[in-house]
């Protein structure tokens, strides 16, 4: 599914959920399962942000899948070094807003607005996390910034 653009993947996931709800005799059970999945995914996303806010590098990196696909063609090693540096420098996530989640089975997409403050930067971005459920836990497989706006240099 890597070759399919993220908006198309999101539409596909939403379509799968809708089809399952319409044709499944246990549609109410599906809705409950989806609500439970949504809570799990939301908790994962908020805990990931909290680990970043607290500069807990080990915990922050533990939210990423072993087969995480770094953005912008970075190697996994280069991405990891960049993230360790950023998390350690004390860049703080202030708030995640407008969190929306689409899930189907072991795949999900979380979209949100992220406000953050760093040592030298105040900004906001539209983020998208593609997650997979592995070993009972949701892990980040891809992370994309759709739009980033620097508000001020501190």
Protein backbone atom coordinates (compact mmCIF):
# COMPACT_ATOMS: atom_id res chain seq x y z
CA UNK A 1 0.00 0.00 0.00
CA UNK A 2 3.00 2.33 0.08
CA UNK A 3 2.45 3.35 -3.53
CA UNK A 4 -1.09 4.55 -2.76
CA UNK A 5 -1.22 8.19 -1.66
CA UNK A 6 -2.39 8.79 1.92
CA UNK A 7 -5.71 10.53 1.04
CA UNK A 8 -6.61 7.53 -1.13
CA UNK A 9 -5.65 5.15 1.70
CA UNK A 10 -7.87 7.12 4.11
CA UNK A 11 -10.80 6.92 1.69
CA UNK A 12 -10.20 3.18 1.24
CA UNK A 13 -10.20 2.62 5.01
CA UNK A 14 -13.40 4.64 5.43
CA UNK A 15 -15.01 2.67 2.60
CA UNK A 16 -14.04 -0.64 4.17
CA UNK A 17 -15.57 0.38 7.48
CA UNK A 18 -18.78 1.55 5.82
CA UNK A 19 -19.11 -1.65 3.75
CA UNK A 20 -18.51 -3.82 6.78
CA UNK A 21 -21.12 -1.93 8.78
CA UNK A 22 -23.71 -2.19 6.00
CA UNK A 23 -23.35 -5.89 5.19
CA UNK A 24 -22.40 -7.32 8.56
CA UNK A 25 -25.18 -8.76 10.73
CA UNK A 26 -23.13 -7.66 13.74
CA UNK A 27 -22.95 -3.98 12.74
CA UNK A 28 -23.51 -2.86 16.34
CA UNK A 29 -20.62 -5.07 17.52
CA UNK A 30 -18.46 -3.58 14.76
CA UNK A 31 -19.33 -0.07 15.96
CA UNK A 32 -18.33 -1.00 19.50
CA UNK A 33 -15.08 -2.54 18.30
CA UNK A 34 -14.40 0.58 16.25
CA UNK A 35 -15.05 2.77 19.30
CA UNK A 36 -12.60 0.65 21.30
CA UNK A 37 -10.02 0.85 18.50
CA UNK A 38 -10.50 4.62 18.35
CA UNK A 39 -9.82 4.92 22.09
CA UNK A 40 -6.69 2.75 21.76
CA UNK A 41 -5.40 4.75 18.80
CA UNK A 42 -6.17 8.09 20.45
CA UNK A 43 -4.36 6.96 23.60
CA UNK A 44 -1.36 5.88 21.51
CA UNK A 45 -1.20 9.23 19.69
CA UNK A 46 -1.54 11.27 22.89
CA UNK A 47 1.03 9.12 24.73
CA UNK A 48 3.44 9.50 21.79
CA UNK A 49 3.06 13.30 22.02
CA UNK A 50 3.53 13.20 25.80
CA UNK A 51 6.77 11.20 25.44
CA UNK A 52 8.01 13.88 23.03
CA UNK A 53 6.90 16.67 25.37
CA UNK A 54 8.79 15.06 28.25
CA UNK A 55 11.91 14.47 26.12
CA UNK A 56 11.64 10.73 26.79
CA UNK A 57 13.58 9.54 23.73
CA UNK A 58 13.31 5.81 24.48
CA UNK A 59 9.56 5.93 25.00
CA UNK A 60 9.04 8.27 22.03
CA UNK A 61 10.89 5.96 19.63
CA UNK A 62 9.05 2.90 21.01
CA UNK A 63 5.85 4.20 19.36
CA UNK A 64 7.34 3.63 15.90
CA UNK A 65 7.07 0.30 14.07
CA UNK A 66 10.26 -1.62 13.31
CA UNK A 67 9.47 -1.15 9.61
CA UNK A 68 8.75 2.59 9.93
CA UNK A 69 9.08 4.43 6.61
CA UNK A 70 10.85 7.79 7.18
CA UNK A 71 9.57 10.84 5.28
CA UNK A 72 11.37 12.70 2.50
CA UNK A 73 13.51 9.70 1.51
CA UNK A 74 15.58 9.74 4.70
CA UNK A 75 17.23 6.52 5.75
CA UNK A 76 15.90 5.04 8.99
CA UNK A 77 19.26 5.73 10.62
CA UNK A 78 19.30 9.42 9.56
CA UNK A 79 15.68 9.89 10.61
CA UNK A 80 16.34 8.28 14.00
CA UNK A 81 19.38 10.53 14.64
CA UNK A 82 17.33 13.61 13.68
CA UNK A 83 14.45 12.63 15.99
CA UNK A 84 16.77 11.86 18.92
CA UNK A 85 18.34 15.30 18.52
CA UNK A 86 14.98 17.08 18.31
CA UNK A 87 13.41 15.24 21.20
CA UNK A 88 16.46 15.80 23.41
CA UNK A 89 16.69 19.52 22.60
CA UNK A 90 13.45 20.01 24.44
CA UNK A 91 11.03 20.82 21.63
CA UNK A 92 7.69 20.59 23.36
CA UNK A 93 4.33 19.55 21.99
CA UNK A 94 1.79 21.87 23.51
CA UNK A 95 -1.44 20.59 22.08
CA UNK A 96 -2.94 18.17 19.60
CA UNK A 97 -6.21 19.48 18.17
CA UNK A 98 -8.88 18.15 15.84
CA UNK A 99 -7.78 14.52 16.13
CA UNK A 100 -9.62 12.37 13.60
CA UNK A 101 -9.15 8.63 13.29
CA UNK A 102 -10.08 6.15 10.59
CA UNK A 103 -9.37 2.49 11.24
CA UNK A 104 -10.01 -0.89 9.68
CA UNK A 105 -8.67 -4.04 11.26
CA UNK A 106 -4.97 -3.63 11.91
CA UNK A 107 -4.51 -0.35 9.99
CA UNK A 108 -5.43 3.19 10.96
CA UNK A 109 -4.82 6.80 10.10
CA UNK A 110 -4.77 9.62 12.65
CA UNK A 111 -4.88 13.26 11.51
CA UNK A 112 -4.48 16.25 13.78
CA UNK A 113 -3.19 19.76 14.18
CA UNK A 114 -0.04 19.88 16.29
CA UNK A 115 1.06 23.05 18.08
CA UNK A 116 4.61 23.02 19.38
CA UNK A 117 7.29 25.16 20.93
CA UNK A 118 11.02 24.55 20.65
CA UNK A 119 14.04 26.37 21.97
CA UNK A 120 13.97 28.63 18.94
CA UNK A 121 10.64 27.96 17.27
CA UNK A 122 6.91 28.32 17.79
CA UNK A 123 4.84 26.59 15.13
CA UNK A 124 1.86 24.57 14.06
CA UNK A 125 1.50 21.72 11.60
CA UNK A 126 -1.09 19.41 10.11
CA UNK A 127 0.11 15.87 10.78
CA UNK A 128 -0.91 12.43 9.64
CA UNK A 129 0.17 9.19 11.28
CA UNK A 130 -0.41 5.86 9.58
CA UNK A 131 -0.52 3.18 12.26
CA UNK A 132 -0.49 -0.61 12.32
CA UNK A 133 -1.51 -2.92 15.13
CA UNK A 134 1.28 -5.32 16.04
CA UNK A 135 1.39 -7.57 19.07
CA UNK A 136 -1.71 -5.86 20.48
CA UNK A 137 -0.16 -2.38 20.24
CA UNK A 138 -0.61 0.42 17.73
CA UNK A 139 2.68 1.50 16.13
CA UNK A 140 3.45 4.39 13.78
CA UNK A 141 4.36 3.04 10.32
CA UNK A 142 4.46 6.41 8.52
CA UNK A 143 4.42 10.02 9.67
CA UNK A 144 3.63 12.87 7.32
CA UNK A 145 3.42 16.62 7.73
CA UNK A 146 0.78 17.94 5.34
CA UNK A 147 1.31 21.59 6.18
CA UNK A 148 3.73 23.30 8.52
CA UNK A 149 3.65 26.92 9.56
CA UNK A 150 6.34 28.61 11.58
CA UNK A 151 4.66 31.23 13.75
CA UNK A 152 7.73 32.83 15.30
CA UNK A 153 11.42 32.45 15.96
CA UNK A 154 12.05 32.69 19.69
